[in-house]
Amino acid sequence: VVGSTMGSLAELGRLARLCATTGMRPLVDDVLPLAEVAEGLRRLEAG
């Protein structure tokens, strides 16, 4: 049983390079303006 929290700066750098070199990309569900952040948080809370 192994705990894991976030990651290091070095791991973040490796992750960014991995995405760049492989073409792998995060899945973005939607992009909202800051003024509509309440709607985004509501959707996140509702699953």
All heavy atoms as atom14 arrays in JSON, in Angstrom:
{
  "sequence": "VVGSTMGSLAELGRLARLCATTGMRPLVDDVLPLAEVAEGLRRLEAG",
  "atom14_mask": [
    [1, 1, 1, 1, 1, 1, 1, 0, 0, 0, 0, 0, 0, 0],
    [1, 1, 1, 1, 1, 1, 1, 0, 0, 0, 0, 0, 0, 0],
    [1, 1, 1, 1, 0, 0, 0, 0, 0, 0, 0, 0, 0, 0],
    [1, 1, 1, 1, 1, 1, 0, 0, 0, 0, 0, 0, 0, 0],
    [1, 1, 1, 1, 1, 1, 1, 0, 0, 0, 0, 0, 0, 0],
    [1, 1, 1, 1, 1, 1, 1, 1, 0, 0, 0, 0, 0, 0],
    [1, 1, 1, 1, 0, 0, 0, 0, 0, 0, 0, 0, 0, 0],
    [1, 1, 1, 1, 1, 1, 0, 0, 0, 0, 0, 0, 0, 0],
    [1, 1, 1, 1, 1, 1, 1, 1, 0, 0, 0, 0, 0, 0],
    [1, 1, 1, 1, 1, 0, 0, 0, 0, 0, 0, 0, 0, 0],
    [1, 1, 1, 1, 1, 1, 1, 1, 1, 0, 0, 0, 0, 0],
    [1, 1, 1, 1, 1, 1, 1, 1, 0, 0, 0, 0, 0, 0],
    [1, 1, 1, 1, 0, 0, 0, 0, 0, 0, 0, 0, 0, 0],
    [1, 1, 1, 1, 1, 1, 1, 1, 1, 1, 1, 0, 0, 0],
    [1, 1, 1, 1, 1, 1, 1, 1, 0, 0, 0, 0, 0, 0],
    [1, 1, 1, 1, 1, 0, 0, 0, 0, 0, 0, 0, 0, 0],
    [1, 1, 1, 1, 1, 1, 1, 1, 1, 1, 1, 0, 0, 0],
    [1, 1, 1, 1, 1, 1, 1, 1, 0, 0, 0, 0, 0, 0],
    [1, 1, 1, 1, 1, 1, 0, 0, 0, 0, 0, 0, 0, 0],
    [1, 1, 1, 1, 1, 0, 0, 0, 0, 0, 0, 0, 0, 0],
    [1, 1, 1, 1, 1, 1, 1, 0, 0, 0, 0, 0, 0, 0],
    [1, 1, 1, 1, 1, 1, 1, 0, 0, 0, 0, 0, 0, 0],
    [1, 1, 1, 1, 0, 0, 0, 0, 0, 0, 0, 0, 0, 0],
    [1, 1, 1, 1, 1, 1, 1, 1, 0, 0, 0, 0, 0, 0],
    [1, 1, 1, 1, 1, 1, 1, 1, 1, 1, 1, 0, 0, 0],
    [1, 1, 1, 1, 1, 1, 1, 0, 0, 0, 0, 0, 0, 0],
    [1, 1, 1, 1, 1, 1, 1, 1, 0, 0, 0, 0, 0, 0],
    [1, 1, 1, 1, 1, 1, 1, 0, 0, 0, 0, 0, 0, 0],
    [1, 1, 1, 1, 1, 1, 1, 1, 0, 0, 0, 0, 0, 0],
    [1, 1, 1, 1, 1, 1, 1, 1, 0, 0, 0, 0, 0, 0],
    [1, 1, 1, 1, 1, 1, 1, 0, 0, 0, 0, 0, 0, 0],
    [1, 1, 1, 1, 1, 1, 1, 1, 0, 0, 0, 0, 0, 0],
    [1, 1, 1, 1, 1, 1, 1, 0, 0, 0, 0, 0, 0, 0],
    [1, 1, 1, 1, 1, 1, 1, 1, 0, 0, 0, 0, 0, 0],
    [1, 1, 1, 1, 1, 0, 0, 0, 0, 0, 0, 0, 0, 0],
    [1, 1, 1, 1, 1, 1, 1, 1, 1, 0, 0, 0, 0, 0],
    [1, 1, 1, 1, 1, 1, 1, 0, 0, 0, 0, 0, 0, 0],
    [1, 1, 1, 1, 1, 0, 0, 0, 0, 0, 0, 0, 0, 0],
    [1, 1, 1, 1, 1, 1, 1, 1, 1, 0, 0, 0, 0, 0],
    [1, 1, 1, 1, 0, 0, 0, 0, 0, 0, 0, 0, 0, 0],
    [1, 1, 1, 1, 1, 1, 1, 1, 0, 0, 0, 0, 0, 0],
    [1, 1, 1, 1, 1, 1, 1, 1, 1, 1, 1, 0, 0, 0],
    [1, 1, 1, 1, 1, 1, 1, 1, 1, 1, 1, 0, 0, 0],
    [1, 1, 1, 1, 1, 1, 1, 1, 0, 0, 0, 0, 0, 0],
    [1, 1, 1, 1, 1, 1, 1, 1, 1, 0, 0, 0, 0, 0],
    [1, 1, 1, 1, 1, 0, 0, 0, 0, 0, 0, 0, 0, 0],
    [1, 1, 1, 1, 0, 0, 0, 0, 0, 0, 0, 0, 0, 0]
  ],
  "atom14_positions": [
    [[0.87, -1.17, 0.0], [0.0, 0.0, 0.0], [0.91, 1.23, 0.0], [1.65, 1.46, 0.95], [-0.94, 0.02, 1.21], [-1.81, 1.28, 1.2], [-1.81, -1.24, 1.23], [0.0, 0.0, 0.0], [0.0, 0.0, 0.0], [0.0, 0.0, 0.0], [0.0, 0.0, 0.0], [0.0, 0.0, 0.0], [0.0, 0.0, 0.0], [0.0, 0.0, 0.0]],
    [[0.85, 2.01, -1.07], [1.8, 3.09, -1.29], [1.05, 4.41, -1.42], [0.14, 4.53, -2.26], [2.65, 2.84, -2.55], [3.63, 3.99, -2.78], [3.39, 1.51, -2.44], [0.0, 0.0, 0.0], [0.0, 0.0, 0.0], [0.0, 0.0, 0.0], [0.0, 0.0, 0.0], [0.0, 0.0, 0.0], [0.0, 0.0, 0.0], [0.0, 0.0, 0.0]],
    [[1.41, 5.38, -0.61], [0.82, 6.71, -0.73], [1.56, 7.53, -1.78], [2.75, 7.34, -2.02], [0.0, 0.0, 0.0], [0.0, 0.0, 0.0], [0.0, 0.0, 0.0], [0.0, 0.0, 0.0], [0.0, 0.0, 0.0], [0.0, 0.0, 0.0], [0.0, 0.0, 0.0], [0.0, 0.0, 0.0], [0.0, 0.0, 0.0], [0.0, 0.0, 0.0]],
    [[0.82, 8.45, -2.41], [1.43, 9.29, -3.44], [0.73, 10.64, -3.45], [-0.51, 10.7, -3.45], [1.28, 8.61, -4.82], [2.01, 9.29, -5.81], [0.0, 0.0, 0.0], [0.0, 0.0, 0.0], [0.0, 0.0, 0.0], [0.0, 0.0, 0.0], [0.0, 0.0, 0.0], [0.0, 0.0, 0.0], [0.0, 0.0, 0.0], [0.0, 0.0, 0.0]],
    [[1.51, 11.7, -3.42], [0.97, 13.05, -3.4], [1.65, 13.91, -4.46], [2.88, 14.03, -4.47], [1.18, 13.72, -2.03], [0.44, 13.01, -1.04], [0.72, 15.16, -2.03], [0.0, 0.0, 0.0], [0.0, 0.0, 0.0], [0.0, 0.0, 0.0], [0.0, 0.0, 0.0], [0.0, 0.0, 0.0], [0.0, 0.0, 0.0], [0.0, 0.0, 0.0]],
    [[0.85, 14.46, -5.38], [1.34, 15.37, -6.4], [2.58, 14.8, -7.09], [2.59, 13.64, -7.46], [1.63, 16.75, -5.79], [0.39, 17.46, -5.3], [-0.69, 18.05, -6.6], [0.23, 19.43, -7.24], [0.0, 0.0, 0.0], [0.0, 0.0, 0.0], [0.0, 0.0, 0.0], [0.0, 0.0, 0.0], [0.0, 0.0, 0.0], [0.0, 0.0, 0.0]],
    [[3.62, 15.61, -7.25], [4.85, 15.18, -7.89], [5.89, 16.28, -7.77], [5.58, 17.41, -7.37], [0.0, 0.0, 0.0], [0.0, 0.0, 0.0], [0.0, 0.0, 0.0], [0.0, 0.0, 0.0], [0.0, 0.0, 0.0], [0.0, 0.0, 0.0], [0.0, 0.0, 0.0], [0.0, 0.0, 0.0], [0.0, 0.0, 0.0], [0.0, 0.0, 0.0]],
    [[7.11, 15.96, -8.11], [8.21, 16.92, -7.97], [8.31, 17.82, -9.2], [7.72, 17.55, -10.25], [9.53, 16.17, -7.78], [9.88, 15.48, -8.98], [0.0, 0.0, 0.0], [0.0, 0.0, 0.0], [0.0, 0.0, 0.0], [0.0, 0.0, 0.0], [0.0, 0.0, 0.0], [0.0, 0.0, 0.0], [0.0, 0.0, 0.0], [0.0, 0.0, 0.0]],
    [[9.09, 18.88, -9.06], [9.36, 19.76, -10.2], [10.04, 18.99, -11.32], [9.71, 19.18, -12.51], [10.25, 20.93, -9.75], [10.61, 21.96, -10.81], [9.38, 22.76, -11.2], [11.71, 22.9, -10.3], [0.0, 0.0, 0.0], [0.0, 0.0, 0.0], [0.0, 0.0, 0.0], [0.0, 0.0, 0.0], [0.0, 0.0, 0.0], [0.0, 0.0, 0.0]],
    [[10.97, 18.1, -10.97], [11.66, 17.31, -11.99], [10.68, 16.4, -12.73], [10.75, 16.24, -13.96], [12.78, 16.47, -11.35], [0.0, 0.0, 0.0], [0.0, 0.0, 0.0], [0.0, 0.0, 0.0], [0.0, 0.0, 0.0], [0.0, 0.0, 0.0], [0.0, 0.0, 0.0], [0.0, 0.0, 0.0], [0.0, 0.0, 0.0], [0.0, 0.0, 0.0]],
    [[9.72, 15.8, -12.0], [8.73, 14.95, -12.65], [7.81, 15.76, -13.56], [7.42, 15.29, -14.63], [7.91, 14.21, -11.59], [8.69, 13.09, -10.9], [7.97, 12.52, -9.7], [7.36, 13.31, -8.92], [8.02, 11.29, -9.51], [0.0, 0.0, 0.0], [0.0, 0.0, 0.0], [0.0, 0.0, 0.0], [0.0, 0.0, 0.0], [0.0, 0.0, 0.0]],
    [[7.47, 16.98, -13.14], [6.65, 17.83, -14.0], [7.38, 18.14, -15.31], [6.77, 18.14, -16.39], [6.3, 19.13, -13.27], [5.46, 20.14, -14.06], [4.15, 19.53, -14.52], [5.22, 21.4, -13.23], [0.0, 0.0, 0.0], [0.0, 0.0, 0.0], [0.0, 0.0, 0.0], [0.0, 0.0, 0.0], [0.0, 0.0, 0.0], [0.0, 0.0, 0.0]],
    [[8.67, 18.4, -15.23], [9.45, 18.64, -16.43], [9.47, 17.43, -17.35], [9.32, 17.56, -18.58], [0.0, 0.0, 0.0], [0.0, 0.0, 0.0], [0.0, 0.0, 0.0], [0.0, 0.0, 0.0], [0.0, 0.0, 0.0], [0.0, 0.0, 0.0], [0.0, 0.0, 0.0], [0.0, 0.0, 0.0], [0.0, 0.0, 0.0], [0.0, 0.0, 0.0]],
    [[9.64, 16.24, -16.77], [9.65, 15.02, -17.58], [8.28, 14.78, -18.2], [8.18, 14.34, -19.36], [10.08, 13.82, -16.73], [11.54, 13.87, -16.3], [12.03, 12.51, -15.83], [11.4, 12.1, -14.58], [11.89, 12.37, -13.38], [13.0, 13.09, -13.25], [11.29, 11.94, -12.28], [0.0, 0.0, 0.0], [0.0, 0.0, 0.0], [0.0, 0.0, 0.0]],
    [[7.21, 15.04, -17.45], [5.86, 14.87, -17.97], [5.61, 15.8, -19.16], [5.06, 15.37, -20.18], [4.84, 15.14, -16.86], [3.37, 15.23, -17.28], [2.91, 13.94, -17.94], [2.5, 15.57, -16.07], [0.0, 0.0, 0.0], [0.0, 0.0, 0.0], [0.0, 0.0, 0.0], [0.0, 0.0, 0.0], [0.0, 0.0, 0.0], [0.0, 0.0, 0.0]],
    [[6.02, 17.05, -19.04], [5.83, 18.0, -20.13], [6.58, 17.55, -21.38], [6.04, 17.61, -22.5], [6.29, 19.39, -19.69], [0.0, 0.0, 0.0], [0.0, 0.0, 0.0], [0.0, 0.0, 0.0], [0.0, 0.0, 0.0], [0.0, 0.0, 0.0], [0.0, 0.0, 0.0], [0.0, 0.0, 0.0], [0.0, 0.0, 0.0], [0.0, 0.0, 0.0]],
    [[7.8, 17.06, -21.2], [8.58, 16.59, -22.35], [7.97, 15.33, -22.95], [8.0, 15.14, -24.17], [10.04, 16.35, -21.93], [10.8, 17.63, -21.58], [12.29, 17.38, -21.44], [12.6, 16.51, -20.32], [12.78, 16.93, -19.07], [12.65, 18.22, -18.78], [13.09, 16.09, -18.1], [0.0, 0.0, 0.0], [0.0, 0.0, 0.0], [0.0, 0.0, 0.0]],
    [[7.42, 14.46, -22.1], [6.76, 13.25, -22.59], [5.58, 13.6, -23.49], [5.41, 13.03, -24.58], [6.29, 12.4, -21.41], [5.52, 11.12, -21.74], [6.41, 10.13, -22.47], [4.95, 10.5, -20.47], [0.0, 0.0, 0.0], [0.0, 0.0, 0.0], [0.0, 0.0, 0.0], [0.0, 0.0, 0.0], [0.0, 0.0, 0.0], [0.0, 0.0, 0.0]],
    [[4.77, 14.56, -23.07], [3.64, 14.98, -23.89], [4.12, 15.58, -25.21], [3.53, 15.33, -26.27], [2.8, 16.0, -23.13], [1.87, 15.32, -21.73], [0.0, 0.0, 0.0], [0.0, 0.0, 0.0], [0.0, 0.0, 0.0], [0.0, 0.0, 0.0], [0.0, 0.0, 0.0], [0.0, 0.0, 0.0], [0.0, 0.0, 0.0], [0.0, 0.0, 0.0]],
    [[5.18, 16.35, -25.15], [5.69, 17.01, -26.35], [6.23, 16.01, -27.36], [5.99, 16.13, -28.57], [6.77, 18.02, -25.98], [0.0, 0.0, 0.0], [0.0, 0.0, 0.0], [0.0, 0.0, 0.0], [0.0, 0.0, 0.0], [0.0, 0.0, 0.0], [0.0, 0.0, 0.0], [0.0, 0.0, 0.0], [0.0, 0.0, 0.0], [0.0, 0.0, 0.0]],
    [[6.93, 14.99, -26.89], [7.61, 14.08, -27.8], [6.7, 12.96, -28.32], [6.93, 12.42, -29.4], [8.84, 13.44, -27.14], [8.44, 12.79, -25.93], [9.88, 14.5, -26.81], [0.0, 0.0, 0.0], [0.0, 0.0, 0.0], [0.0, 0.0, 0.0], [0.0, 0.0, 0.0], [0.0, 0.0, 0.0], [0.0, 0.0, 0.0], [0.0, 0.0, 0.0]],
    [[5.67, 12.61, -27.56], [4.81, 11.49, -27.96], [3.54, 11.94, -28.66], [2.85, 11.12, -29.28], [4.4, 10.66, -26.73], [3.64, 11.48, -25.84], [5.62, 10.1, -26.02], [0.0, 0.0, 0.0], [0.0, 0.0, 0.0], [0.0, 0.0, 0.0], [0.0, 0.0, 0.0], [0.0, 0.0, 0.0], [0.0, 0.0, 0.0], [0.0, 0.0, 0.0]],
    [[3.18, 13.22, -28.54], [1.91, 13.67, -29.08], [0.74, 13.44, -28.15], [-0.41, 13.75, -28.49], [0.0, 0.0, 0.0], [0.0, 0.0, 0.0], [0.0, 0.0, 0.0], [0.0, 0.0, 0.0], [0.0, 0.0, 0.0], [0.0, 0.0, 0.0], [0.0, 0.0, 0.0], [0.0, 0.0, 0.0], [0.0, 0.0, 0.0], [0.0, 0.0, 0.0]],
    [[1.01, 12.88, -26.96], [-0.04, 12.65, -25.98], [-0.51, 13.99, -25.42], [0.29, 14.87, -25.15], [0.54, 11.78, -24.86], [-0.41, 11.37, -23.77], [0.36, 10.11, -22.72], [1.97, 10.85, -22.4], [0.0, 0.0, 0.0], [0.0, 0.0, 0.0], [0.0, 0.0, 0.0], [0.0, 0.0, 0.0], [0.0, 0.0, 0.0], [0.0, 0.0, 0.0]],
    [[-1.81, 14.14, -25.25], [-2.37, 15.42, -24.79], [-3.42, 15.19, -23.71], [-4.2, 14.23, -23.79], [-3.01, 16.18, -25.95], [-2.06, 16.55, -27.07], [-1.09, 17.62, -26.64], [-0.22, 18.03, -27.74], [0.97, 17.5, -27.99], [1.43, 16.52, -27.22], [1.71, 17.94, -28.99], [0.0, 0.0, 0.0], [0.0, 0.0, 0.0], [0.0, 0.0, 0.0]],
    [[-3.48, 16.08, -22.72], [-4.58, 16.01, -21.74], [-5.93, 16.17, -22.42], [-6.06, 16.92, -23.39], [-4.28, 17.19, -20.81], [-2.81, 17.43, -20.95], [-2.49, 17.11, -22.38], [0.0, 0.0, 0.0], [0.0, 0.0, 0.0], [0.0, 0.0, 0.0], [0.0, 0.0, 0.0], [0.0, 0.0, 0.0], [0.0, 0.0, 0.0], [0.0, 0.0, 0.0]],
    [[-6.91, 15.47, -21.89], [-8.27, 15.57, -22.4], [-8.95, 16.77, -21.74], [-9.16, 16.78, -20.53], [-9.04, 14.29, -22.1], [-10.52, 14.27, -22.51], [-10.66, 14.42, -24.01], [-11.19, 13.0, -22.02], [0.0, 0.0, 0.0], [0.0, 0.0, 0.0], [0.0, 0.0, 0.0], [0.0, 0.0, 0.0], [0.0, 0.0, 0.0], [0.0, 0.0, 0.0]],
    [[-9.26, 17.78, -22.53], [-9.92, 18.98, -22.04], [-11.42, 18.87, -22.32], [-11.83, 18.81, -23.48], [-9.34, 20.25, -22.69], [-10.1, 21.5, -22.22], [-7.86, 20.38, -22.37], [0.0, 0.0, 0.0], [0.0, 0.0, 0.0], [0.0, 0.0, 0.0], [0.0, 0.0, 0.0], [0.0, 0.0, 0.0], [0.0, 0.0, 0.0], [0.0, 0.0, 0.0]],
    [[-12.22, 18.81, -21.28], [-13.67, 18.69, -21.42], [-14.28, 19.98, -21.95], [-15.13, 19.97, -22.84], [-14.29, 18.32, -20.07], [-15.79, 18.12, -20.14], [-16.52, 19.14, -20.23], [-16.25, 16.98, -20.07], [0.0, 0.0, 0.0], [0.0, 0.0, 0.0], [0.0, 0.0, 0.0], [0.0, 0.0, 0.0], [0.0, 0.0, 0.0], [0.0, 0.0, 0.0]],
    [[-13.82, 21.14, -21.39], [-14.4, 22.42, -21.79], [-13.47, 23.53, -21.33], [-12.65, 23.34, -20.41], [-15.78, 22.61, -21.16], [-16.63, 23.64, -21.88], [-16.17, 24.2, -22.9], [-17.76, 23.89, -21.43], [0.0, 0.0, 0.0], [0.0, 0.0, 0.0], [0.0, 0.0, 0.0], [0.0, 0.0, 0.0], [0.0, 0.0, 0.0], [0.0, 0.0, 0.0]],
    [[-13.58, 24.68, -21.97], [-12.82, 25.88, -21.61], [-13.82, 26.99, -21.32], [-14.69, 27.29, -22.15], [-11.85, 26.3, -22.73], [-11.07, 27.54, -22.31], [-10.9, 25.16, -23.07], [0.0, 0.0, 0.0], [0.0, 0.0, 0.0], [0.0, 0.0, 0.0], [0.0, 0.0, 0.0], [0.0, 0.0, 0.0], [0.0, 0.0, 0.0], [0.0, 0.0, 0.0]],
    [[-13.7, 27.61, -20.14], [-14.64, 28.63, -19.69], [-13.9, 29.93, -19.38], [-12.73, 29.9, -18.98], [-15.36, 28.17, -18.42], [-16.12, 26.85, -18.48], [-16.57, 26.45, -17.08], [-17.32, 26.98, -19.41], [0.0, 0.0, 0.0], [0.0, 0.0, 0.0], [0.0, 0.0, 0.0], [0.0, 0.0, 0.0], [0.0, 0.0, 0.0], [0.0, 0.0, 0.0]],
    [[-14.56, 31.08, -19.51], [-13.97, 32.32, -19.01], [-14.02, 32.35, -17.48], [-14.87, 31.67, -16.87], [-14.88, 33.4, -19.61], [-16.18, 32.73, -19.83], [-15.88, 31.29, -20.16], [0.0, 0.0, 0.0], [0.0, 0.0, 0.0], [0.0, 0.0, 0.0], [0.0, 0.0, 0.0], [0.0, 0.0, 0.0], [0.0, 0.0, 0.0], [0.0, 0.0, 0.0]],
    [[-13.14, 33.11, -16.88], [-13.07, 33.18, -15.42], [-14.39, 33.61, -14.81], [-14.78, 33.15, -13.74], [-11.95, 34.14, -14.99], [-11.75, 34.33, -13.49], [-11.47, 33.01, -12.79], [-10.61, 35.3, -13.22], [0.0, 0.0, 0.0], [0.0, 0.0, 0.0], [0.0, 0.0, 0.0], [0.0, 0.0, 0.0], [0.0, 0.0, 0.0], [0.0, 0.0, 0.0]],
    [[-15.12, 34.48, -15.48], [-16.39, 34.96, -14.95], [-17.4, 33.82, -14.78], [-18.35, 33.95, -14.0], [-16.97, 36.04, -15.86], [0.0, 0.0, 0.0], [0.0, 0.0, 0.0], [0.0, 0.0, 0.0], [0.0, 0.0, 0.0], [0.0, 0.0, 0.0], [0.0, 0.0, 0.0], [0.0, 0.0, 0.0], [0.0, 0.0, 0.0], [0.0, 0.0, 0.0]],
    [[-17.2, 32.68, -15.47], [-18.13, 31.55, -15.39], [-17.56, 30.39, -14.57], [-18.0, 29.25, -14.7], [-18.49, 31.07, -16.79], [-19.22, 32.12, -17.63], [-19.51, 31.65, -19.04], [-19.4, 30.43, -19.3], [-19.86, 32.49, -19.9], [0.0, 0.0, 0.0], [0.0, 0.0, 0.0], [0.0, 0.0, 0.0], [0.0, 0.0, 0.0], [0.0, 0.0, 0.0]],
    [[-16.6, 30.69, -13.69], [-15.96, 29.62, -12.93], [-16.94, 28.91, -12.01], [-16.79, 27.71, -11.73], [-14.75, 30.18, -12.14], [-15.2, 31.06, -10.99], [-13.88, 29.04, -11.62], [0.0, 0.0, 0.0], [0.0, 0.0, 0.0], [0.0, 0.0, 0.0], [0.0, 0.0, 0.0], [0.0, 0.0, 0.0], [0.0, 0.0, 0.0], [0.0, 0.0, 0.0]],
    [[-17.97, 29.6, -11.53], [-18.95, 28.95, -10.66], [-19.64, 27.8, -11.39], [-19.88, 26.73, -10.8], [-19.99, 29.97, -10.18], [0.0, 0.0, 0.0], [0.0, 0.0, 0.0], [0.0, 0.0, 0.0], [0.0, 0.0, 0.0], [0.0, 0.0, 0.0], [0.0, 0.0, 0.0], [0.0, 0.0, 0.0], [0.0, 0.0, 0.0], [0.0, 0.0, 0.0]],
    [[-19.96, 27.99, -12.67], [-20.57, 26.92, -13.45], [-19.61, 25.75, -13.62], [-20.01, 24.58, -13.53], [-21.01, 27.45, -14.82], [-21.47, 26.39, -15.81], [-22.68, 25.58, -15.34], [-23.34, 26.0, -14.37], [-22.93, 24.51, -15.94], [0.0, 0.0, 0.0], [0.0, 0.0, 0.0], [0.0, 0.0, 0.0], [0.0, 0.0, 0.0], [0.0, 0.0, 0.0]],
    [[-18.33, 26.03, -13.83], [-17.35, 24.97, -13.94], [-17.23, 24.17, -12.65], [-17.19, 22.93, -12.67], [0.0, 0.0, 0.0], [0.0, 0.0, 0.0], [0.0, 0.0, 0.0], [0.0, 0.0, 0.0], [0.0, 0.0, 0.0], [0.0, 0.0, 0.0], [0.0, 0.0, 0.0], [0.0, 0.0, 0.0], [0.0, 0.0, 0.0], [0.0, 0.0, 0.0]],
    [[-17.19, 24.86, -11.51], [-17.08, 24.17, -10.23], [-18.36, 23.38, -9.93], [-18.3, 22.31, -9.33], [-16.8, 25.18, -9.13], [-15.39, 25.79, -9.17], [-15.29, 26.99, -8.24], [-14.33, 24.75, -8.81], [0.0, 0.0, 0.0], [0.0, 0.0, 0.0], [0.0, 0.0, 0.0], [0.0, 0.0, 0.0], [0.0, 0.0, 0.0], [0.0, 0.0, 0.0]],
    [[-19.51, 23.91, -10.34], [-20.76, 23.17, -10.15], [-20.72, 21.86, -10.94], [-21.11, 20.8, -10.43], [-21.95, 24.01, -10.61], [-23.31, 23.34, -10.35], [-24.39, 23.86, -11.25], [-24.15, 23.58, -12.67], [-24.35, 22.39, -13.23], [-24.76, 21.35, -12.51], [-24.1, 22.21, -14.52], [0.0, 0.0, 0.0], [0.0, 0.0, 0.0], [0.0, 0.0, 0.0]],
    [[-20.26, 21.91, -12.19], [-20.17, 20.71, -13.0], [-19.17, 19.72, -12.41], [-19.4, 18.5, -12.43], [-19.77, 21.09, -14.44], [-20.88, 21.8, -15.2], [-20.38, 22.41, -16.5], [-19.75, 21.44, -17.37], [-19.13, 21.74, -18.5], [-19.07, 23.02, -18.89], [-18.6, 20.81, -19.25], [0.0, 0.0, 0.0], [0.0, 0.0, 0.0], [0.0, 0.0, 0.0]],
    [[-18.07, 20.23, -11.88], [-17.07, 19.36, -11.26], [-17.66, 18.68, -10.03], [-17.48, 17.47, -9.82], [-15.84, 20.19, -10.88], [-14.59, 19.44, -10.45], [-14.05, 18.59, -11.59], [-13.52, 20.41, -9.97], [0.0, 0.0, 0.0], [0.0, 0.0, 0.0], [0.0, 0.0, 0.0], [0.0, 0.0, 0.0], [0.0, 0.0, 0.0], [0.0, 0.0, 0.0]],
    [[-18.37, 19.43, -9.21], [-19.0, 18.89, -8.0], [-20.05, 17.85, -8.35], [-20.2, 16.83, -7.65], [-19.63, 20.04, -7.21], [-20.5, 19.63, -6.04], [-19.73, 19.1, -4.85], [-18.48, 19.0, -4.93], [-20.36, 18.79, -3.83], [0.0, 0.0, 0.0], [0.0, 0.0, 0.0], [0.0, 0.0, 0.0], [0.0, 0.0, 0.0], [0.0, 0.0, 0.0]],
    [[-20.78, 18.06, -9.44], [-21.85, 17.15, -9.83], [-21.35, 15.92, -10.59], [-22.15, 15.04, -10.93], [-22.87, 17.9, -10.69], [0.0, 0.0, 0.0], [0.0, 0.0, 0.0], [0.0, 0.0, 0.0], [0.0, 0.0, 0.0], [0.0, 0.0, 0.0], [0.0, 0.0, 0.0], [0.0, 0.0, 0.0], [0.0, 0.0, 0.0], [0.0, 0.0, 0.0]],
    [[-20.05, 15.85, -10.87], [-19.52, 14.72, -11.61], [-19.88, 14.73, -13.07], [-19.98, 13.67, -13.71], [0.0, 0.0, 0.0], [0.0, 0.0, 0.0], [0.0, 0.0, 0.0], [0.0, 0.0, 0.0], [0.0, 0.0, 0.0], [0.0, 0.0, 0.0], [0.0, 0.0, 0.0], [0.0, 0.0, 0.0], [0.0, 0.0, 0.0], [0.0, 0.0, 0.0]]
  ]
}
